[in-house]
Amino acid sequence: MIKKSFLYLFLPISINILWIPNNFAATVSNSFIFIENNVDDEYFITSQKLNPRFSGSNKYTRYASKQRSLGYMGTTPNSSIKKDYNVDIWLENSPIDNPFLGNRCLNDEDECPSDGIWPAKYIEKSGAYMINQNSTKGQSTNTRPIFSDNSFNFFKDMGPDKTITLSLRSCQTEFDYNPSQGESCESIGGKMLSSNDFVMTKIGHLQLLSTNALQEIFIDSNGMPNIGLGSEFCQTATVNGRDGIVCNLVQYKYTSSSDISKLRVGLKLNPTYITYDPNVNDVMFQGNVNSNWYTYTRKDNPTTKYTDVFDNTNNGQLSVFLSQSFLKQLIDRNVDLTNSQDFFTFSFYNSSLTQSGYYEFTPSNKLIIKPRNYGISIISADFNNSPKKIGKVGSKNPITFNYIVTTTGFRQANSITAQVIGDNKIINNQSYCVFSSSDNSIKVPFSAYLSFKGKYRGQVISKRASCDSKEISLNDALWEETPWDIPAQDQGSYYRTNLDLSFPMNEGHSYWSIDGDDWIGSVTGSGSVKVTATWNGVP
């Protein structure tokens, strides 16, 4: 018998698989317009399409209720973040320092933080590290980091028609590590969640300009507008057969190479102050593109194409028409005109972005609307809506704000008072305004005085008014009388006087803090001057 022999040789084979995220990154692209709001100091990004996600503002709008997210980026679907795991989200070779704040969680969802951000324990140069979510609701299973202000500033500085590639990465692990010592989820062998290269093209930049301009408008009982003092951006006009007033409320600059197809813009009435619905033709707005007027909206999703309003220009404006009928209703309905500068906002809506496509902004120019028959107004003498001044302790020159006070009526008011309202402190039975450092660790007392020219021989009258709301009589001020506009010139008058608010910089109390300590640094204060007029016998 012949036996066959066989030799079996087993060769062990070891296979190592190394996943290099950069080599397998999916490339996605989108385009966007950047809106730089210098009026409210805010930013808004609106993109051409939903995915990849790249949109939103750096702050929640003050009015719209449907804004569910701050500005962020991400894709759909892209990862499966687990509850109570540590997550890192970063940009590979990041062109932006500290680009993210944390991961997104829709702010109206249960178990989400009220600000809509799962915060990172460590904010590092390339991203947000050790994000630990105690929930995965609000779509927070996805890698969708919230932009930092650094990111918004980076996109702001990009020129129109410029393209940037952002390589977004994320990783999670159940183990702890120390990013401050150079450790990361990736370095300790955590699980990579997502890897995407975002190719983003900026196709437009809209800059909403801050002018701080203001304009007084006095309304008679018939709704007839009378233009008072101010920056002269309003004029009487007739629109679509209706008499009223047109005011240029928004100044802007816009540069673009393409359009966002689903972006809309509208004029909104603030429901807090205008609680009724005016006729649609009584409140309208217009841009530079054409002569069409567009009606206001109560909704968060306006329908006017932004390309019908905003034009490529360095000197653009949005105008608002207020009919005489609308102005009359303000008087007839006893609408509180104290907040007339907040009656109107403008809104953006991108229907492709249902979570972060809402944004509202306030006008560049402010309207101060007052009743003409019996009213009082105070404005800055330089027509600046938000006057600011600086000074130096020890200087002989005080910080001084100059105002113009106007009363209007069939006769002058029987009683006129002014009061300074702000943070104050009583020291040795004397009131002082309080200026504070940015961290509130230093509080410094300052005196304040209201002064005006007296009606007897023009002497200057000065009275202490150190933020204690004490009423100071202006009855002895020198008031200049000006008849009402034609045809009512024989029926009543405007009465005006100058009023100054001064803070001495060389008083001894201000060399020391409220706690009695010597101090060095910078302190600031804010407040208001309130004026009141009373006519006896007027209901």
Protein backbone atom coordinates (compact mmCIF):
# COMPACT_ATOMS: atom_id res chain seq x y z
CA MET A 1 0.00 0.00 0.00
CA ILE A 2 1.28 3.31 -0.89
CA LYS A 3 0.52 5.94 1.66
CA LYS A 4 0.29 9.53 0.70
CA SER A 5 1.49 12.02 3.18
CA PHE A 6 0.23 15.61 3.28
CA LEU A 7 1.81 18.58 4.86
CA TYR A 8 -0.59 21.20 6.11
CA LEU A 9 0.94 24.57 6.67
CA PHE A 10 -1.07 27.20 8.50
CA LEU A 11 0.19 30.71 8.10
CA PRO A 12 -1.34 33.13 10.59
CA ILE A 13 -2.40 36.39 8.98
CA SER A 14 -2.98 39.57 10.96
CA ILE A 15 -5.07 42.26 9.33
CA ASN A 16 -5.01 45.79 10.75
CA ILE A 17 -7.62 48.21 9.49
CA LEU A 18 -6.84 51.86 10.03
CA TRP A 19 -9.62 54.36 9.34
CA ILE A 20 -8.28 57.72 8.37
CA PRO A 21 -11.23 60.10 8.45
CA ASN A 22 -9.63 62.69 6.19
CA ASN A 23 -9.27 60.15 3.37
CA PHE A 24 -12.92 59.14 3.52
CA ALA A 25 -14.54 62.49 4.20
CA ALA A 26 -17.70 63.15 2.23
CA THR A 27 -17.74 66.48 0.42
CA VAL A 28 -20.88 68.61 0.65
CA SER A 29 -21.55 72.13 -0.58
CA ASN A 30 -23.88 75.07 -0.13
CA SER A 31 -23.98 78.84 -0.66
CA PHE A 32 -25.04 81.58 1.72
CA ILE A 33 -25.69 85.27 2.28
CA PHE A 34 -24.30 86.94 5.38
CA ILE A 35 -26.41 89.64 7.05
CA GLU A 36 -24.44 92.02 9.26
CA ASN A 37 -26.83 93.87 11.56
CA ASN A 38 -24.98 96.90 12.94
CA VAL A 39 -28.20 98.28 14.43
CA ASP A 40 -28.69 95.45 16.93
CA ASP A 41 -25.09 94.17 16.87
CA GLU A 42 -26.17 90.78 15.51
CA TYR A 43 -25.34 88.44 12.62
CA PHE A 44 -27.49 86.13 10.48
CA ILE A 45 -26.51 83.49 7.91
CA THR A 46 -29.10 82.27 5.41
CA SER A 47 -28.24 79.50 2.95
CA GLN A 48 -29.50 78.42 -0.45
CA LYS A 49 -30.67 74.97 0.66
CA LEU A 50 -31.29 73.00 3.84
CA ASN A 51 -28.48 70.48 3.49
CA PRO A 52 -25.73 70.69 4.33
CA ARG A 53 -26.88 72.68 7.33
CA PHE A 54 -25.22 76.10 7.46
CA SER A 55 -27.51 78.83 8.76
CA GLY A 56 -28.87 80.86 11.66
CA SER A 57 -28.11 83.89 13.81
CA ASN A 58 -25.79 84.49 16.75
CA LYS A 59 -28.69 85.57 18.97
CA TYR A 60 -32.32 84.62 19.35
CA THR A 61 -34.56 87.22 17.77
CA ARG A 62 -36.54 89.29 20.24
CA TYR A 63 -39.88 88.80 18.52
CA ALA A 64 -40.20 85.72 16.29
CA SER A 65 -41.45 82.63 18.10
CA LYS A 66 -40.45 80.05 15.49
CA GLN A 67 -36.69 80.43 15.67
CA ARG A 68 -35.66 77.08 17.18
CA SER A 69 -31.93 77.21 16.66
CA LEU A 70 -28.94 79.50 16.69
CA GLY A 71 -26.46 79.47 13.82
CA TYR A 72 -24.94 76.04 13.20
CA MET A 73 -23.57 73.59 10.64
CA GLY A 74 -24.05 69.85 10.02
CA THR A 75 -25.51 67.24 7.69
CA THR A 76 -28.50 64.86 7.72
CA PRO A 77 -28.18 62.14 8.88
CA ASN A 78 -24.67 62.24 10.19
CA SER A 79 -24.06 60.59 13.57
CA SER A 80 -25.51 58.85 16.61
CA ILE A 81 -24.42 60.77 19.67
CA LYS A 82 -25.19 58.88 22.87
CA LYS A 83 -26.46 60.22 26.16
CA ASP A 84 -23.78 60.84 28.83
CA TYR A 85 -20.89 60.17 26.42
CA ASN A 86 -18.09 62.67 25.90
CA VAL A 87 -18.19 64.20 22.42
CA ASP A 88 -15.63 66.30 20.56
CA ILE A 89 -16.61 68.39 17.53
CA TRP A 90 -13.88 70.22 15.66
CA LEU A 91 -12.61 71.54 12.34
CA GLU A 92 -9.58 69.76 10.94
CA ASN A 93 -6.89 72.40 10.26
CA SER A 94 -9.40 75.00 11.41
CA PRO A 95 -9.05 78.44 9.80
CA ILE A 96 -11.14 79.80 12.71
CA ASP A 97 -9.98 80.01 16.33
CA ASN A 98 -12.54 78.51 18.74
CA PRO A 99 -15.20 78.01 16.05
CA PHE A 100 -17.88 76.28 18.17
CA LEU A 101 -19.69 76.66 21.50
CA GLY A 102 -21.18 73.17 21.77
CA ASN A 103 -23.71 70.92 20.08
CA ARG A 104 -27.19 72.00 19.02
CA CYS A 105 -30.42 71.03 20.80
CA LEU A 106 -33.66 72.62 19.55
CA ASN A 107 -34.58 75.17 22.19
CA ASP A 108 -38.29 74.33 22.30
CA GLU A 109 -37.79 70.61 22.92
CA ASP A 110 -38.10 68.91 26.31
CA GLU A 111 -34.80 68.22 28.08
CA CYS A 112 -32.91 70.70 25.88
CA PRO A 113 -31.07 73.61 27.52
CA SER A 114 -33.04 76.86 27.25
CA ASP A 115 -30.35 78.41 25.03
CA GLY A 116 -30.38 75.40 22.70
CA ILE A 117 -26.72 74.49 23.31
CA TRP A 118 -25.15 71.43 24.91
CA PRO A 119 -22.03 73.26 26.13
CA ALA A 120 -18.48 72.01 25.81
CA LYS A 121 -16.31 71.73 28.91
CA TYR A 122 -13.35 72.88 26.84
CA ILE A 123 -13.33 75.41 24.01
CA GLU A 124 -10.10 74.93 22.12
CA LYS A 125 -8.55 76.41 18.99
CA SER A 126 -10.07 73.82 16.64
CA GLY A 127 -13.43 73.17 18.26
CA ALA A 128 -15.58 72.17 21.22
CA TYR A 129 -14.36 69.32 23.42
CA MET A 130 -15.99 67.08 26.05
CA ILE A 131 -19.61 67.87 25.24
CA ASN A 132 -21.62 65.69 27.62
CA GLN A 133 -25.33 65.55 26.81
CA ASN A 134 -27.79 64.25 29.42
CA SER A 135 -30.35 63.83 26.65
CA THR A 136 -30.46 63.21 22.92
CA LYS A 137 -33.76 64.96 22.30
CA GLY A 138 -34.09 68.03 20.10
CA GLN A 139 -32.20 66.33 17.25
CA SER A 140 -29.05 66.37 19.37
CA THR A 141 -28.04 62.86 18.29
CA ASN A 142 -26.59 64.68 15.27
CA THR A 143 -23.27 66.47 14.99
CA ARG A 144 -24.51 70.03 14.58
CA PRO A 145 -22.18 72.46 16.33
CA ILE A 146 -23.30 75.98 17.24
CA PHE A 147 -21.16 78.74 15.75
CA SER A 148 -19.16 81.00 18.06
CA ASP A 149 -18.87 84.75 17.47
CA ASN A 150 -15.42 84.04 16.03
CA SER A 151 -17.06 81.97 13.29
CA PHE A 152 -19.59 84.69 12.51
CA ASN A 153 -16.81 87.26 12.30
CA PHE A 154 -14.84 84.98 9.98
CA PHE A 155 -17.80 84.59 7.62
CA LYS A 156 -18.47 88.33 7.86
CA ASP A 157 -14.95 89.11 6.68
CA MET A 158 -15.17 86.73 3.70
CA GLY A 159 -15.60 88.58 0.44
CA PRO A 160 -18.66 87.89 -1.72
CA ASP A 161 -18.14 85.04 -4.19
CA LYS A 162 -15.40 83.54 -1.99
CA THR A 163 -15.33 79.81 -1.15
CA ILE A 164 -14.01 78.13 2.00
CA THR A 165 -13.63 74.43 2.84
CA LEU A 166 -14.43 73.50 6.46
CA SER A 167 -13.53 69.93 7.46
CA LEU A 168 -16.00 68.98 10.19
CA ARG A 169 -15.17 66.01 12.43
CA SER A 170 -16.80 64.46 15.52
CA CYS A 171 -15.90 61.68 17.94
CA GLN A 172 -17.45 60.18 21.07
CA THR A 173 -16.28 57.99 23.94
CA GLU A 174 -17.54 56.78 27.29
CA PHE A 175 -14.15 57.50 28.87
CA ASP A 176 -12.82 60.74 30.36
CA TYR A 177 -9.77 62.60 29.11
CA ASN A 178 -8.11 65.97 29.58
CA PRO A 179 -8.13 68.33 26.56
CA SER A 180 -6.09 70.90 28.50
CA GLN A 181 -3.21 68.40 28.39
CA GLY A 182 -3.62 67.72 24.69
CA GLU A 183 -5.88 64.70 25.02
CA SER A 184 -8.96 64.24 22.89
CA CYS A 185 -11.62 61.68 22.12
CA GLU A 186 -9.70 60.76 18.99
CA SER A 187 -6.34 60.43 20.75
CA ILE A 188 -7.65 57.93 23.31
CA GLY A 189 -9.28 55.77 20.64
CA GLY A 190 -12.85 57.04 20.72
CA LYS A 191 -15.34 56.27 17.98
CA MET A 192 -15.37 58.65 15.05
CA LEU A 193 -18.93 59.78 14.34
CA SER A 194 -18.75 61.97 11.26
CA SER A 195 -16.33 63.36 8.74
CA ASN A 196 -17.48 65.90 6.17
CA ASP A 197 -15.78 68.56 4.10
CA PHE A 198 -18.07 71.57 3.73
CA VAL A 199 -17.42 73.63 0.60
CA MET A 200 -19.21 76.90 1.35
CA THR A 201 -19.55 79.84 -1.05
CA LYS A 202 -20.52 83.29 0.15
CA ILE A 203 -22.72 84.82 -2.56
CA GLY A 204 -23.80 88.01 -0.81
CA HIS A 205 -23.27 90.41 2.10
CA LEU A 206 -26.02 92.67 3.43
CA GLN A 207 -24.98 95.34 5.92
CA LEU A 208 -27.73 97.00 7.95
CA LEU A 209 -26.34 100.35 9.00
CA SER A 210 -26.64 101.94 12.42
CA THR A 211 -27.37 105.65 12.10
CA ASN A 212 -28.75 106.42 15.59
CA ALA A 213 -30.87 109.05 13.83
CA LEU A 214 -34.29 110.05 15.13
CA GLN A 215 -37.30 112.08 14.04
CA GLU A 216 -40.18 113.60 16.00
CA ILE A 217 -43.66 113.20 14.55
CA PHE A 218 -46.59 115.00 16.19
CA ILE A 219 -50.10 113.75 15.37
CA ASP A 220 -53.24 115.83 15.70
CA SER A 221 -56.65 114.37 16.57
CA ASN A 222 -57.38 113.74 12.87
CA GLY A 223 -54.17 111.78 12.37
CA MET A 224 -52.50 114.61 10.47
CA PRO A 225 -48.72 114.21 10.89
CA ASN A 226 -46.60 117.23 11.74
CA ILE A 227 -42.85 116.78 11.37
CA GLY A 228 -40.90 118.01 14.39
CA LEU A 229 -37.20 118.17 15.09
CA GLY A 230 -34.86 115.44 13.93
CA SER A 231 -32.73 114.10 11.13
CA GLU A 232 -35.24 114.88 8.36
CA PHE A 233 -35.80 111.36 7.03
CA CYS A 234 -39.60 111.73 6.96
CA GLN A 235 -41.93 113.66 4.66
CA THR A 236 -45.67 113.91 4.12
CA ALA A 237 -46.82 111.91 1.09
CA THR A 238 -49.75 110.32 -0.70
CA VAL A 239 -49.47 106.60 -1.52
CA ASN A 240 -52.16 104.72 -3.43
CA GLY A 241 -54.58 107.58 -2.82
CA ARG A 242 -53.99 107.69 0.94
CA ASP A 243 -52.47 110.68 2.72
CA GLY A 244 -49.85 110.07 5.35
CA ILE A 245 -46.13 110.13 5.96
CA VAL A 246 -43.17 108.28 4.43
CA CYS A 247 -40.05 107.67 6.55
CA ASN A 248 -36.76 106.12 5.47
CA LEU A 249 -36.26 103.74 8.39
CA VAL A 250 -33.49 101.41 7.19
CA GLN A 251 -30.14 102.26 5.64
CA TYR A 252 -28.16 99.41 4.07
CA LYS A 253 -25.34 98.29 1.78
CA TYR A 254 -25.68 95.14 -0.31
CA THR A 255 -23.29 93.24 -2.56
CA SER A 256 -24.17 89.90 -4.17
CA SER A 257 -23.24 87.64 -7.05
CA SER A 258 -26.32 85.42 -6.85
CA ASP A 259 -29.66 85.14 -5.01
CA ILE A 260 -31.22 82.97 -2.31
CA SER A 261 -34.34 81.69 -4.06
CA LYS A 262 -36.57 81.21 -1.01
CA LEU A 263 -35.58 84.21 1.10
CA ARG A 264 -38.43 86.60 1.95
CA VAL A 265 -38.65 89.91 3.82
CA GLY A 266 -41.49 91.77 5.52
CA LEU A 267 -42.48 94.69 7.74
CA LYS A 268 -43.93 93.54 11.05
CA LEU A 269 -46.01 95.37 13.62
CA ASN A 270 -45.00 94.69 17.19
CA PRO A 271 -48.02 92.94 18.78
CA THR A 272 -47.00 94.18 22.22
CA TYR A 273 -47.85 97.76 21.27
CA ILE A 274 -50.08 97.52 18.16
CA THR A 275 -52.68 95.04 19.36
CA TYR A 276 -55.20 95.61 16.55
CA ASP A 277 -54.91 94.96 12.79
CA PRO A 278 -54.74 98.15 10.70
CA ASN A 279 -55.97 98.18 7.12
CA VAL A 280 -53.37 96.47 4.93
CA ASN A 281 -52.89 99.66 2.89
CA ASP A 282 -52.36 101.84 5.96
CA VAL A 283 -48.91 100.45 6.82
CA MET A 284 -46.60 99.51 3.92
CA PHE A 285 -42.92 99.36 3.03
CA GLN A 286 -40.79 99.84 -0.06
CA GLY A 287 -37.19 99.21 -1.11
CA ASN A 288 -34.89 100.50 -3.83
CA VAL A 289 -35.63 97.91 -6.51
CA ASN A 290 -38.95 99.23 -7.80
CA SER A 291 -41.79 101.63 -6.96
CA ASN A 292 -44.05 98.94 -5.50
CA TRP A 293 -45.35 99.19 -1.97
CA TYR A 294 -45.77 95.99 0.07
CA THR A 295 -48.22 95.51 2.93
CA TYR A 296 -47.16 94.75 6.48
CA THR A 297 -47.47 91.28 7.98
CA ARG A 298 -48.40 89.80 11.33
CA LYS A 299 -46.83 86.45 10.49
CA ASP A 300 -43.34 85.12 11.06
CA ASN A 301 -43.15 84.03 7.42
CA PRO A 302 -43.43 87.10 5.13
CA THR A 303 -44.01 86.57 1.41
CA THR A 304 -42.20 89.48 -0.30
CA LYS A 305 -39.13 88.36 -2.24
CA TYR A 306 -36.05 90.03 -0.80
CA THR A 307 -34.85 90.70 -4.35
CA ASP A 308 -37.90 92.97 -4.80
CA VAL A 309 -36.67 95.11 -1.91
CA PHE A 310 -32.87 94.94 -1.60
CA ASP A 311 -30.68 96.06 -4.49
CA ASN A 312 -26.92 95.92 -5.03
CA THR A 313 -25.98 99.36 -3.76
CA ASN A 314 -23.83 101.22 -1.25
CA ASN A 315 -26.67 103.59 -0.38
CA GLY A 316 -29.86 101.59 -0.01
CA GLN A 317 -32.90 102.31 2.12
CA LEU A 318 -36.22 100.80 3.17
CA SER A 319 -39.10 103.25 3.50
CA VAL A 320 -42.28 102.89 5.54
CA PHE A 321 -45.62 104.53 4.75
CA LEU A 322 -47.99 105.33 7.62
CA SER A 323 -51.39 106.57 6.53
CA GLN A 324 -53.29 109.34 8.25
CA SER A 325 -55.94 106.73 9.11
CA PHE A 326 -53.35 104.59 10.93
CA LEU A 327 -52.00 107.58 12.83
CA LYS A 328 -55.53 108.63 13.82
CA GLN A 329 -56.19 105.17 15.22
CA LEU A 330 -53.12 105.51 17.42
CA ILE A 331 -54.80 108.51 19.04
CA ASP A 332 -58.37 107.17 19.04
CA ARG A 333 -57.32 103.85 20.58
CA ASN A 334 -55.12 105.55 23.20
CA VAL A 335 -52.09 103.56 22.07
CA ASP A 336 -49.16 104.20 24.40
CA LEU A 337 -46.75 106.18 22.23
CA THR A 338 -43.90 105.97 24.73
CA ASN A 339 -42.42 103.04 22.82
CA SER A 340 -43.16 104.29 19.30
CA GLN A 341 -39.56 103.58 18.27
CA ASP A 342 -40.35 99.88 18.80
CA PHE A 343 -43.62 99.73 16.83
CA PHE A 344 -41.96 98.26 13.73
CA THR A 345 -39.44 95.56 12.91
CA PHE A 346 -38.37 93.95 9.66
CA SER A 347 -38.26 90.17 9.32
CA PHE A 348 -36.44 87.67 7.13
CA TYR A 349 -37.73 84.17 6.45
CA ASN A 350 -36.13 81.38 4.43
CA SER A 351 -38.68 78.62 3.83
CA SER A 352 -35.89 76.11 3.21
CA LEU A 353 -34.70 76.56 6.80
CA THR A 354 -37.65 75.84 9.07
CA GLN A 355 -35.57 75.80 12.27
CA SER A 356 -33.08 78.60 11.81
CA GLY A 357 -34.44 80.61 8.89
CA TYR A 358 -36.20 83.29 10.95
CA TYR A 359 -34.65 86.65 11.80
CA GLU A 360 -35.86 90.13 12.74
CA PHE A 361 -34.07 93.45 12.95
CA THR A 362 -34.94 96.92 14.17
CA PRO A 363 -34.85 100.03 11.96
CA SER A 364 -31.71 102.13 11.56
CA ASN A 365 -33.67 105.31 12.21
CA LYS A 366 -36.07 105.83 15.11
CA LEU A 367 -39.49 107.47 15.09
CA ILE A 368 -40.60 109.45 18.13
CA ILE A 369 -44.38 109.71 17.72
CA LYS A 370 -46.27 112.05 20.05
CA PRO A 371 -49.79 113.53 20.20
CA ARG A 372 -49.80 117.14 18.99
CA ASN A 373 -52.76 118.53 20.90
CA TYR A 374 -51.31 117.80 24.35
CA GLY A 375 -47.90 116.17 24.30
CA ILE A 376 -44.31 116.35 25.50
CA SER A 377 -41.10 115.04 23.95
CA ILE A 378 -37.42 114.92 24.84
CA ILE A 379 -34.70 114.20 22.27
CA SER A 380 -30.94 114.54 22.11
CA ALA A 381 -29.93 117.96 20.78
CA ASP A 382 -27.75 116.31 18.13
CA PHE A 383 -30.67 114.02 17.13
CA ASN A 384 -28.76 110.92 18.25
CA ASN A 385 -31.07 108.20 19.45
CA SER A 386 -28.45 106.62 21.74
CA PRO A 387 -26.08 109.35 22.94
CA LYS A 388 -22.88 108.23 24.65
CA LYS A 389 -20.12 110.29 26.27
CA ILE A 390 -16.81 109.59 27.99
CA GLY A 391 -14.90 111.46 30.67
CA LYS A 392 -11.94 111.24 33.03
CA VAL A 393 -12.09 111.50 36.80
CA GLY A 394 -10.15 114.56 37.90
CA SER A 395 -10.95 116.56 34.79
CA LYS A 396 -12.50 120.01 35.14
CA ASN A 397 -14.77 119.19 32.21
CA PRO A 398 -17.96 117.37 33.19
CA ILE A 399 -19.70 114.76 31.07
CA THR A 400 -22.65 116.66 29.61
CA PHE A 401 -25.66 115.47 27.61
CA ASN A 402 -27.69 118.10 25.76
CA TYR A 403 -31.43 117.67 25.19
CA ILE A 404 -34.34 119.55 23.66
CA VAL A 405 -37.67 119.35 25.47
CA THR A 406 -40.82 120.13 23.47
CA THR A 407 -44.35 120.57 24.74
CA THR A 408 -47.22 121.03 22.32
CA GLY A 409 -50.79 122.09 22.90
CA PHE A 410 -53.44 124.75 22.54
CA ARG A 411 -51.54 126.45 25.38
CA GLN A 412 -48.46 125.79 27.45
CA ALA A 413 -48.67 123.12 30.14
CA ASN A 414 -49.36 124.17 33.72
CA SER A 415 -46.67 121.89 35.13
CA ILE A 416 -43.54 120.50 33.45
CA THR A 417 -41.02 118.31 35.26
CA ALA A 418 -37.89 116.31 34.49
CA GLN A 419 -36.30 113.47 36.43
CA VAL A 420 -33.12 111.43 36.07
CA ILE A 421 -33.59 107.68 36.46
CA GLY A 422 -30.72 105.25 36.98
CA ASP A 423 -28.69 103.24 39.49
CA ASN A 424 -28.16 105.30 42.60
CA LYS A 425 -26.81 105.16 46.14
CA ILE A 426 -27.51 107.31 49.21
CA ILE A 427 -24.28 108.45 50.88
CA ASN A 428 -24.51 110.74 53.92
CA ASN A 429 -28.16 111.51 53.08
CA GLN A 430 -27.17 112.56 49.55
CA SER A 431 -28.11 110.67 46.38
CA TYR A 432 -25.44 109.75 43.83
CA CYS A 433 -25.57 108.05 40.45
CA VAL A 434 -23.61 104.80 40.42
CA PHE A 435 -21.21 103.86 37.62
CA SER A 436 -19.92 100.26 37.60
CA SER A 437 -17.08 98.25 36.10
CA SER A 438 -17.93 95.55 33.56
CA ASP A 439 -17.74 92.83 36.23
CA ASN A 440 -19.55 94.98 38.84
CA SER A 441 -16.58 94.68 41.21
CA ILE A 442 -16.13 98.47 41.27
CA LYS A 443 -18.99 100.90 41.89
CA VAL A 444 -18.28 104.62 41.91
CA PRO A 445 -20.60 107.49 42.98
CA PHE A 446 -21.11 110.53 40.75
CA SER A 447 -23.27 113.60 41.22
CA ALA A 448 -25.61 114.69 38.44
CA TYR A 449 -27.25 118.04 37.70
CA LEU A 450 -30.02 119.21 35.39
CA SER A 451 -29.58 122.75 34.13
CA PHE A 452 -31.54 125.08 31.87
CA LYS A 453 -31.77 128.75 30.98
CA GLY A 454 -34.26 130.62 33.14
CA LYS A 455 -36.99 132.84 31.76
CA TYR A 456 -35.90 135.76 33.94
CA ARG A 457 -32.87 137.51 32.42
CA GLY A 458 -31.66 134.21 30.97
CA GLN A 459 -29.80 133.04 34.06
CA VAL A 460 -28.73 129.37 34.18
CA ILE A 461 -30.62 127.33 36.75
CA SER A 462 -28.93 124.12 37.94
CA LYS A 463 -30.53 121.54 40.22
CA ARG A 464 -29.16 118.32 41.65
CA ALA A 465 -30.76 115.25 40.05
CA SER A 466 -28.54 112.29 40.90
CA CYS A 467 -30.51 109.33 39.53
CA ASP A 468 -33.04 109.36 42.39
CA SER A 469 -36.07 110.04 40.13
CA LYS A 470 -36.74 113.29 41.97
CA GLU A 471 -38.94 115.59 39.88
CA ILE A 472 -37.30 118.88 38.91
CA SER A 473 -39.65 121.68 37.83
CA LEU A 474 -39.02 123.22 34.40
CA ASN A 475 -41.73 125.85 34.78
CA ASP A 476 -39.13 128.59 35.19
CA ALA A 477 -37.25 127.59 32.03
CA LEU A 478 -37.08 129.88 29.02
CA TRP A 479 -39.51 128.34 26.51
CA GLU A 480 -39.45 129.36 22.85
CA GLU A 481 -42.91 129.34 21.25
CA THR A 482 -43.48 128.28 17.62
CA PRO A 483 -46.97 128.15 16.02
CA TRP A 484 -48.32 124.86 14.75
CA ASP A 485 -48.06 124.10 11.06
CA ILE A 486 -50.49 125.62 8.56
CA PRO A 487 -53.50 125.51 8.60
CA ALA A 488 -53.55 125.18 12.42
CA GLN A 489 -51.08 127.99 13.09
CA ASP A 490 -53.63 130.01 15.08
CA GLN A 491 -54.82 127.10 17.21
CA GLY A 492 -51.74 126.05 19.18
CA SER A 493 -47.99 126.09 19.52
CA TYR A 494 -44.83 124.11 20.15
CA TYR A 495 -42.83 125.22 23.20
CA ARG A 496 -39.15 124.26 23.34
CA THR A 497 -36.31 124.62 25.82
CA ASN A 498 -32.79 123.24 26.14
CA LEU A 499 -32.02 120.92 29.05
CA ASP A 500 -28.53 119.71 30.03
CA LEU A 501 -27.57 116.73 32.17
CA SER A 502 -24.05 117.02 33.63
CA PHE A 503 -21.84 114.68 35.66
CA PRO A 504 -18.92 116.52 37.35
CA MET A 505 -15.64 114.63 37.06
CA ASN A 506 -13.71 116.41 39.81
CA GLU A 507 -15.81 115.82 42.93
CA GLY A 508 -14.06 114.14 45.86
CA HIS A 509 -16.60 111.34 46.24
CA SER A 510 -15.78 110.02 42.78
CA TYR A 511 -12.13 109.39 43.67
CA TRP A 512 -13.28 106.52 45.86
CA SER A 513 -15.53 103.55 45.28
CA ILE A 514 -18.77 103.10 47.22
CA ASP A 515 -16.86 100.67 49.45
CA GLY A 516 -14.38 103.42 50.29
CA ASP A 517 -11.51 101.99 48.25
CA ASP A 518 -9.17 103.79 45.91
CA TRP A 519 -9.86 102.58 42.39
CA ILE A 520 -8.40 102.50 38.92
CA GLY A 521 -9.98 101.35 35.68
CA SER A 522 -13.12 102.07 33.70
CA VAL A 523 -16.71 102.36 34.87
CA THR A 524 -19.91 103.01 32.93
CA GLY A 525 -23.42 104.11 33.75
CA SER A 526 -26.72 104.29 31.93
CA GLY A 527 -30.12 105.72 32.62
CA SER A 528 -32.81 107.97 31.25
CA VAL A 529 -34.29 111.44 31.56
CA LYS A 530 -38.07 111.42 31.88
CA VAL A 531 -40.17 114.52 31.26
CA THR A 532 -43.81 115.02 32.22
CA ALA A 533 -46.29 117.76 31.32
CA THR A 534 -49.69 118.40 32.90
CA TRP A 535 -52.46 120.61 31.55
CA ASN A 536 -55.08 121.54 34.14
CA GLY A 537 -58.64 120.95 33.00
CA VAL A 538 -57.64 118.50 30.25
CA PRO A 539 -59.06 114.98 30.66
